[in-house]
Amino acid sequence: MKATSIFLLIIGVAITIFCTTYFKPALDVVDSETMTIGGSSVAKTSEWPLFIGILTTFVGLCFFIVASTRTARK
């Protein structure tokens, strides 16, 4: 279980870092005033991969804590 938790932590941190560097926030359409919306010129945005990365990191951390406390009790 410790190996799985470490794997989840690494994957979660990698997803989070990748999403924060690759996906840039787009301007809000309401605040854009004279900005026109184009097909290829729109910035890439996605909140789900970032959420999945944070969630995976949290689950890996929880698994690691549980695995550490179980081995300490023996």
C-alpha atoms as a PDB file:
ATOM      1  CA  MET A   1       0.000   0.000   0.000  1.00  0.00           C
ATOM      2  CA  LYS A   2       2.943   2.317   0.597  1.00  0.00           C
ATOM      3  CA  ALA A   3       4.183   1.793  -2.946  1.00  0.00           C
ATOM      4  CA  THR A   4       0.732   2.600  -4.319  1.00  0.00           C
ATOM      5  CA  SER A   5       0.510   5.745  -2.200  1.00  0.00           C
ATOM      6  CA  ILE A   6       3.912   6.962  -3.377  1.00  0.00           C
ATOM      7  CA  PHE A   7       2.897   6.260  -6.982  1.00  0.00           C
ATOM      8  CA  LEU A   8      -0.347   8.238  -6.495  1.00  0.00           C
ATOM      9  CA  LEU A   9       1.564  11.124  -4.914  1.00  0.00           C
ATOM     10  CA  ILE A  10       4.019  11.305  -7.814  1.00  0.00           C
ATOM     11  CA  ILE A  11       1.276  11.084 -10.438  1.00  0.00           C
ATOM     12  CA  GLY A  12      -0.865  13.673  -8.632  1.00  0.00           C
ATOM     13  CA  VAL A  13       1.981  16.168  -8.322  1.00  0.00           C
ATOM     14  CA  ALA A  14       2.961  15.605 -11.964  1.00  0.00           C
ATOM     15  CA  ILE A  15      -0.618  16.203 -13.162  1.00  0.00           C
ATOM     16  CA  THR A  16      -0.915  19.330 -11.013  1.00  0.00           C
ATOM     17  CA  ILE A  17       2.393  20.788 -12.251  1.00  0.00           C
ATOM     18  CA  PHE A  18       1.571  19.927 -15.871  1.00  0.00           C
ATOM     19  CA  CYS A  19      -1.866  21.537 -15.675  1.00  0.00           C
ATOM     20  CA  THR A  20      -0.644  24.715 -14.019  1.00  0.00           C
ATOM     21  CA  THR A  21       2.060  25.218 -16.650  1.00  0.00           C
ATOM     22  CA  TYR A  22       0.239  24.005 -19.787  1.00  0.00           C
ATOM     23  CA  PHE A  23      -3.312  25.268 -19.293  1.00  0.00           C
ATOM     24  CA  LYS A  24      -3.502  29.034 -19.039  1.00  0.00           C
ATOM     25  CA  PRO A  25      -6.589  30.840 -17.732  1.00  0.00           C
ATOM     26  CA  ALA A  26      -8.699  32.526 -20.375  1.00  0.00           C
ATOM     27  CA  LEU A  27     -10.158  35.968 -20.122  1.00  0.00           C
ATOM     28  CA  ASP A  28     -13.722  36.108 -18.927  1.00  0.00           C
ATOM     29  CA  VAL A  29     -16.015  36.812 -21.863  1.00  0.00           C
ATOM     30  CA  VAL A  30     -18.003  39.339 -19.832  1.00  0.00           C
ATOM     31  CA  ASP A  31     -14.874  41.374 -19.032  1.00  0.00           C
ATOM     32  CA  SER A  32     -13.428  41.257 -22.532  1.00  0.00           C
ATOM     33  CA  GLU A  33     -15.268  44.322 -23.931  1.00  0.00           C
ATOM     34  CA  THR A  34     -13.771  44.615 -27.441  1.00  0.00           C
ATOM     35  CA  MET A  35     -12.180  41.167 -27.537  1.00  0.00           C
ATOM     36  CA  THR A  36     -13.501  38.866 -30.233  1.00  0.00           C
ATOM     37  CA  ILE A  37     -13.679  35.135 -29.740  1.00  0.00           C
ATOM     38  CA  GLY A  38     -11.791  33.166 -32.372  1.00  0.00           C
ATOM     39  CA  GLY A  39     -11.336  29.446 -32.918  1.00  0.00           C
ATOM     40  CA  SER A  40      -7.574  28.978 -32.642  1.00  0.00           C
ATOM     41  CA  SER A  41      -6.724  32.163 -30.763  1.00  0.00           C
ATOM     42  CA  VAL A  42      -8.681  31.234 -27.633  1.00  0.00           C
ATOM     43  CA  ALA A  43      -6.470  30.266 -24.694  1.00  0.00           C
ATOM     44  CA  LYS A  44      -6.682  26.692 -23.486  1.00  0.00           C
ATOM     45  CA  THR A  45      -8.473  26.318 -20.181  1.00  0.00           C
ATOM     46  CA  SER A  46      -9.408  23.318 -18.155  1.00  0.00           C
ATOM     47  CA  GLU A  47     -10.204  22.981 -14.490  1.00  0.00           C
ATOM     48  CA  TRP A  48     -10.904  19.239 -14.345  1.00  0.00           C
ATOM     49  CA  PRO A  49      -7.345  17.972 -14.874  1.00  0.00           C
ATOM     50  CA  LEU A  50      -6.077  20.330 -12.169  1.00  0.00           C
ATOM     51  CA  PHE A  51      -8.806  19.134  -9.810  1.00  0.00           C
ATOM     52  CA  ILE A  52      -7.971  15.492 -10.601  1.00  0.00           C
ATOM     53  CA  GLY A  53      -4.271  16.157  -9.907  1.00  0.00           C
ATOM     54  CA  ILE A  54      -5.012  17.739  -6.529  1.00  0.00           C
ATOM     55  CA  LEU A  55      -7.459  14.956  -5.660  1.00  0.00           C
ATOM     56  CA  THR A  56      -4.951  12.255  -6.638  1.00  0.00           C
ATOM     57  CA  THR A  57      -2.275  13.910  -4.506  1.00  0.00           C
ATOM     58  CA  PHE A  58      -4.656  14.059  -1.546  1.00  0.00           C
ATOM     59  CA  VAL A  59      -5.667  10.390  -1.925  1.00  0.00           C
ATOM     60  CA  GLY A  60      -2.009   9.355  -2.189  1.00  0.00           C
ATOM     61  CA  LEU A  61      -1.199  11.350   0.946  1.00  0.00           C
ATOM     62  CA  CYS A  62      -4.079   9.728   2.840  1.00  0.00           C
ATOM     63  CA  PHE A  63      -2.967   6.260   1.735  1.00  0.00           C
ATOM     64  CA  PHE A  64       0.591   7.039   2.818  1.00  0.00           C
ATOM     65  CA  ILE A  65      -0.546   8.196   6.269  1.00  0.00           C
ATOM     66  CA  VAL A  66      -2.713   5.097   6.728  1.00  0.00           C
ATOM     67  CA  ALA A  67       0.097   2.797   5.577  1.00  0.00           C
ATOM     68  CA  SER A  68       2.564   4.504   7.904  1.00  0.00           C
ATOM     69  CA  THR A  69       0.307   4.254  10.950  1.00  0.00           C
ATOM     70  CA  ARG A  70      -0.476   0.607  10.262  1.00  0.00           C
ATOM     71  CA  THR A  71       3.191  -0.379  10.172  1.00  0.00           C
ATOM     72  CA  ALA A  72       3.892   1.653  13.331  1.00  0.00           C
ATOM     73  CA  ARG A  73       1.224  -0.252  15.304  1.00  0.00           C
ATOM     74  CA  LYS A  74       2.734  -3.686  14.674  1.00  0.00           C
END
